[in-house]
Protein backbone atom coordinates (compact mmCIF):
# COMPACT_ATOMS: atom_id res chain seq x y z
CA MET A 1 162.54 332.36 161.00
CA GLU A 2 160.14 334.19 162.57
CA ASN A 3 160.43 337.15 165.04
CA ASN A 4 158.63 337.82 168.04
CA HIS A 5 160.63 340.90 168.52
CA ALA A 6 162.66 343.44 166.23
CA PRO A 7 166.07 342.44 166.30
CA TYR A 8 167.78 345.20 168.07
CA TRP A 9 170.86 344.61 165.93
CA GLY A 10 169.12 344.46 162.74
CA LYS A 11 169.41 341.70 160.14
CA PRO A 12 171.77 338.83 161.20
CA THR A 13 174.70 339.03 159.02
CA ALA A 14 175.98 335.75 159.94
CA ASN A 15 176.88 333.14 157.08
CA ILE A 16 175.51 330.27 159.77
CA ASN A 17 172.28 331.03 161.61
CA TRP A 18 171.36 328.21 164.01
CA CYS A 19 168.37 326.23 164.82
CA GLU A 20 166.84 327.91 167.79
CA PRO A 21 164.41 330.65 166.38
CA ASP A 22 165.81 334.34 166.52
CA TYR A 23 164.23 336.93 169.09
CA VAL A 24 161.23 335.06 170.24
CA HIS A 25 162.57 336.38 173.84
CA SER A 26 163.90 339.69 173.62
CA PRO A 27 164.71 342.51 170.87
CA TYR A 28 168.29 342.24 172.24
CA ILE A 29 169.06 338.39 172.00
CA ALA A 30 169.02 336.53 169.20
CA GLU A 31 169.01 333.54 170.44
CA THR A 32 168.24 332.61 173.86
CA PHE A 33 169.03 329.36 175.08
CA ASN A 34 172.22 329.27 172.95
CA THR A 35 173.60 332.82 174.68
CA PHE A 36 172.86 332.11 178.25
CA SER A 37 174.45 328.55 178.25
CA ASN A 38 178.03 330.13 177.18
CA LEU A 39 178.22 330.31 181.06
CA VAL A 40 179.53 326.71 180.92
CA TYR A 41 182.71 328.35 179.26
CA LEU A 42 183.29 330.51 181.93
CA PHE A 43 182.15 328.11 184.93
CA VAL A 44 185.49 325.69 183.20
CA ALA A 45 187.50 328.94 183.05
CA ILE A 46 187.13 330.19 186.75
CA SER A 47 187.25 326.97 188.10
CA GLY A 48 190.09 325.34 186.25
CA PHE A 49 192.40 328.85 186.37
CA LEU A 50 191.56 328.78 190.73
CA ARG A 51 192.55 324.94 191.07
CA ILE A 52 196.38 325.19 189.11
CA PHE A 53 196.68 328.32 191.08
CA ARG A 54 195.71 326.60 194.52
CA SER A 55 198.03 323.67 193.59
CA VAL A 56 201.16 325.70 193.02
CA PRO A 57 203.19 326.61 196.53
CA LYS A 58 204.53 330.23 196.38
CA GLU A 59 208.07 328.67 196.79
CA SER A 60 207.31 326.47 194.57
CA SER A 61 210.29 326.17 191.82
CA ILE A 62 207.82 324.98 189.34
CA SER A 63 208.96 327.68 186.26
CA ARG A 64 205.69 330.36 185.97
CA ILE A 65 206.64 330.37 182.14
CA ASP A 66 205.47 326.92 182.49
CA LEU A 67 202.11 327.28 184.44
CA LEU A 68 201.52 330.78 181.81
CA ARG A 69 200.51 328.59 179.32
CA PHE A 70 197.60 327.39 181.52
CA TYR A 71 196.58 330.51 182.49
CA ILE A 72 196.55 331.45 178.47
CA LEU A 73 194.68 328.07 177.65
CA HIS A 74 191.54 329.00 180.60
CA LEU A 75 191.61 333.12 179.11
CA CYS A 76 191.08 331.38 175.82
CA ALA A 77 187.83 329.47 177.30
CA VAL A 78 187.34 333.46 178.56
CA ALA A 79 186.85 334.15 174.79
CA VAL A 80 185.26 331.72 173.76
CA PHE A 81 182.23 332.59 176.54
CA ILE A 82 182.54 336.43 175.31
CA GLY A 83 182.70 335.77 171.69
CA SER A 84 180.25 332.97 171.36
CA SER A 85 177.98 335.08 173.81
CA LEU A 86 178.22 338.13 171.77
CA PHE A 87 177.80 336.00 168.41
CA HIS A 88 174.57 334.35 169.54
CA ALA A 89 173.01 337.22 170.92
CA THR A 90 173.50 339.42 167.56
CA LEU A 91 173.77 336.98 164.75
CA LEU A 92 176.41 339.61 163.30
CA LYS A 93 179.55 338.56 160.83
CA GLN A 94 181.98 340.55 163.40
CA CYS A 95 181.15 338.36 166.23
CA GLN A 96 180.68 335.27 164.19
CA LEU A 97 184.61 335.80 164.27
CA MET A 98 184.71 336.76 167.49
CA ASP A 99 183.32 333.39 168.60
CA GLU A 100 185.29 331.50 165.55
CA LEU A 101 188.78 332.65 166.60
CA PRO A 102 189.63 331.53 169.76
CA MET A 103 188.11 327.90 168.97
CA LEU A 104 190.93 327.96 166.82
CA TYR A 105 193.48 330.06 168.59
CA SER A 106 192.56 327.13 171.70
CA THR A 107 193.94 324.57 169.56
CA PHE A 108 196.79 326.11 168.55
CA CYS A 109 197.32 326.83 172.52
CA GLY A 110 197.05 323.01 173.01
CA ILE A 111 199.21 322.15 170.59
CA TYR A 112 201.52 323.88 171.74
CA CYS A 113 201.34 322.55 175.38
CA PHE A 114 201.24 318.88 174.02
CA ILE A 115 204.59 319.65 172.34
CA TYR A 116 206.38 321.58 174.87
CA VAL A 117 205.04 319.30 177.47
CA ASN A 118 209.03 319.20 179.10
CA ASP A 119 212.46 320.47 179.53
CA ARG A 120 213.91 318.95 176.38
CA VAL A 121 212.22 321.22 173.73
CA GLU A 122 213.36 324.13 175.93
CA LYS A 123 216.85 322.28 175.89
CA SER A 124 216.49 322.11 171.88
CA HIS A 125 216.13 325.45 171.64
CA TYR A 126 212.77 324.63 169.43
CA ARG A 127 210.46 326.79 172.22
CA LEU A 128 210.73 329.57 169.90
CA LEU A 129 209.92 328.37 167.14
CA VAL A 130 206.91 326.31 168.10
CA ILE A 131 205.42 329.87 168.82
CA SER A 132 206.64 330.97 165.86
CA ILE A 133 205.07 328.88 163.69
CA CYS A 134 201.88 329.12 165.24
CA VAL A 135 201.53 332.47 165.48
CA VAL A 136 201.95 332.46 161.73
CA PHE A 137 199.33 329.81 161.32
CA CYS A 138 196.93 332.14 163.12
CA GLY A 139 197.70 335.35 161.43
CA MET A 140 197.19 333.12 158.19
CA LEU A 141 193.93 331.76 159.50
CA THR A 142 192.62 335.44 161.07
CA PHE A 143 193.63 337.03 157.46
CA MET A 144 191.33 334.31 155.78
CA MET A 145 188.42 334.14 157.76
CA ILE A 146 188.59 338.46 158.02
CA TYR A 147 188.66 338.90 154.32
CA TRP A 148 186.81 336.01 153.51
CA PRO A 149 183.99 336.26 155.70
CA ASN A 150 181.60 334.48 153.31
CA ILE A 151 183.04 331.06 152.54
CA TYR A 152 182.49 328.93 155.97
CA ALA A 153 185.09 326.36 154.78
CA PRO A 154 188.78 327.55 156.39
CA PHE A 155 187.18 327.90 159.88
CA ILE A 156 185.54 324.29 159.99
CA ILE A 157 188.51 322.51 158.01
CA SER A 158 191.38 324.58 160.04
CA PHE A 159 189.14 323.54 162.96
CA ALA A 160 188.81 319.77 162.22
CA VAL A 161 192.12 319.39 161.39
CA LEU A 162 193.94 321.22 164.37
CA LEU A 163 191.47 319.55 166.94
CA SER A 164 192.11 316.36 165.59
CA LEU A 165 196.23 317.05 165.72
CA CYS A 166 195.30 317.77 169.35
CA ASN A 167 193.61 314.08 169.88
CA LEU A 168 196.34 312.71 168.56
CA PHE A 169 198.74 314.16 171.29
CA ILE A 170 196.45 313.34 173.82
CA CYS A 171 195.90 309.19 172.74
CA ARG A 172 199.31 309.31 172.80
CA TYR A 173 200.04 310.57 176.44
CA ALA A 174 196.78 308.79 177.60
CA PHE A 175 198.46 305.11 176.72
CA LYS A 176 201.85 306.08 177.32
CA THR A 177 203.15 304.22 180.39
CA LYS A 178 206.53 303.79 182.51
CA ALA A 179 209.34 301.34 181.76
CA SER A 180 207.57 298.43 183.68
CA GLY A 181 204.31 298.82 181.61
CA VAL A 182 202.02 298.52 184.85
CA ARG A 183 200.03 301.62 185.55
CA THR A 184 200.30 303.92 188.45
CA ASP A 185 197.67 305.74 189.58
CA ILE A 186 198.35 308.62 188.04
CA GLU A 187 198.42 307.15 184.76
CA LYS A 188 194.93 305.39 185.07
CA LYS A 189 193.54 308.65 186.27
CA LYS A 190 195.14 309.84 182.50
CA LEU A 191 193.31 306.69 180.66
CA ILE A 192 190.35 307.69 182.76
CA LEU A 193 190.15 311.64 181.71
CA TRP A 194 190.71 310.40 177.99
CA GLY A 195 188.16 308.35 178.34
CA ALA A 196 185.59 311.06 179.39
CA TYR A 197 187.08 313.42 177.22
CA MET A 198 186.69 311.99 174.00
CA VAL A 199 182.62 310.45 175.24
CA SER A 200 182.22 314.55 176.06
CA LEU A 201 183.56 315.30 172.84
CA ILE A 202 181.74 312.65 170.54
CA THR A 203 178.12 313.35 172.06
CA ALA A 204 179.19 317.07 171.47
CA LEU A 205 179.72 316.83 168.04
CA PHE A 206 176.67 314.53 167.54
CA VAL A 207 174.52 317.08 169.46
CA TRP A 208 175.54 319.85 166.98
CA SER A 209 175.59 317.57 163.91
CA THR A 210 172.31 316.49 164.50
CA ASP A 211 170.67 319.98 165.77
CA ASN A 212 171.80 321.33 162.03
CA ALA A 213 170.81 318.52 159.94
CA PHE A 214 167.16 317.72 161.83
CA CYS A 215 166.48 321.20 162.49
CA GLY A 216 162.76 321.00 161.57
CA TYR A 217 162.59 317.74 164.00
CA VAL A 218 164.85 318.72 166.85
CA GLN A 219 164.34 322.55 167.43
CA LYS A 220 162.32 322.22 170.38
CA LEU A 221 165.43 320.65 172.25
CA HIS A 222 167.68 323.17 171.86
CA LEU A 223 170.48 321.00 171.08
CA HIS A 224 173.36 323.37 170.17
CA SER A 225 172.85 324.64 174.11
CA PHE A 226 174.22 321.03 174.77
CA TRP A 227 176.27 321.05 172.23
CA HIS A 228 178.09 324.19 174.32
CA LEU A 229 177.49 321.99 177.82
CA PHE A 230 179.32 318.64 176.16
CA SER A 231 182.09 321.08 174.28
CA SER A 232 183.04 322.75 177.80
CA MET A 233 182.75 319.63 179.43
CA ALA A 234 185.78 317.78 176.78
CA LEU A 235 187.71 321.18 177.27
CA SER A 236 187.71 321.06 181.24
CA TYR A 237 188.80 317.74 180.70
CA MET A 238 191.40 318.43 177.98
CA TYR A 239 193.01 320.71 180.53
CA ASP A 240 193.15 319.03 183.19
CA PHE A 241 194.64 316.29 181.31
CA PHE A 242 197.27 318.80 180.05
CA PHE A 243 198.14 319.75 183.45
CA ILE A 244 198.45 316.44 184.86
CA ILE A 245 200.94 315.30 181.76
CA TYR A 246 202.91 318.17 182.61
CA LEU A 247 203.64 317.51 185.83
CA ASP A 248 203.54 313.81 185.61
CA GLU A 249 206.61 314.15 182.19
CA ASN A 250 208.85 316.50 184.36
CA ASN A 251 209.18 314.26 187.67
CA ILE A 252 207.10 316.76 189.71
CA PRO A 253 205.46 314.68 192.55
CA PHE A 254 201.63 315.50 193.08
CA THR A 255 198.73 313.84 193.70
CA ILE A 256 194.51 314.29 192.85
CA GLU A 257 192.61 314.72 195.43
CA GLY A 258 188.70 313.90 194.50
CA ASN A 259 187.04 312.62 191.66
CA VAL A 260 189.49 312.84 188.45
CA LEU A 261 185.79 313.46 186.60
CA PHE A 262 184.60 316.50 188.69
CA LEU A 263 186.75 319.81 189.33
CA PRO A 264 189.51 317.62 190.81
CA ARG A 265 192.06 319.22 193.16
CA TYR A 266 195.73 318.74 192.01
CA SER A 267 198.45 319.10 195.34
CA ILE A 268 202.25 319.37 195.03
CA LEU A 269 203.85 317.72 196.96
CA ASP A 270 207.27 319.19 196.69
CA THR A 271 208.90 322.44 195.79
CA GLU A 272 211.75 320.75 193.63
CA LYS A 273 211.45 319.24 190.29
CA LYS A 274 213.33 315.39 190.27
CA ASN A 275 214.88 315.88 186.77
CA LYS A 276 216.72 319.20 188.12
């Protein structure tokens, strides 16, 4: 693609170059729209972190280790923001890795959140096993992507498999009801969140695919920026879903204030877990 400015970072070394023309607005930023659209990930991370932090009273008996997983999830979103911004600004291979690896780590964290959703796993001593498996797989994928940097397949295949596994867990809990078979208000809101998540994810994948397949026709639409927007929305809905099922599965009484689809606020009603 034609450059309006001499690339400050040198010739692109990444094994993929997106549809947006390079170095049009600045010699320091290869893809302007794709770079600044990553700010949505930072917004998701900060807003989600603050909402969870404010929802848990200081005197709550909820385990701080349990809450740590949710904070790590939002830190993964920060890592995606940093890595993706650097990648689109430089189009360097090392920055591409900084974009792709946090995406894989985030899905591993999501899978862990689903597997260790309540105390049964802890009592069965599976928690360390789950962490070990995730760490080993993360290490293997990181090694493959670093030592075979010109092969794009390991990332695409791994991310697709991990995301599909996450979606299976999400569907399981989205349609789960209590013994009575009648959906409670919380269960209805979980189903709404699931629907919003799926719509956002499918839309994100659609614009990503369209941008890659029909670049010559849709270049001016900057569809990869919309991939960032819709994927960040899916990420936000997923994180809210994680937190709700954690509270619900552990019988922690809570309410959801505001619209469940737009930065809902959580209020923990009791400082003691009912199942303890």
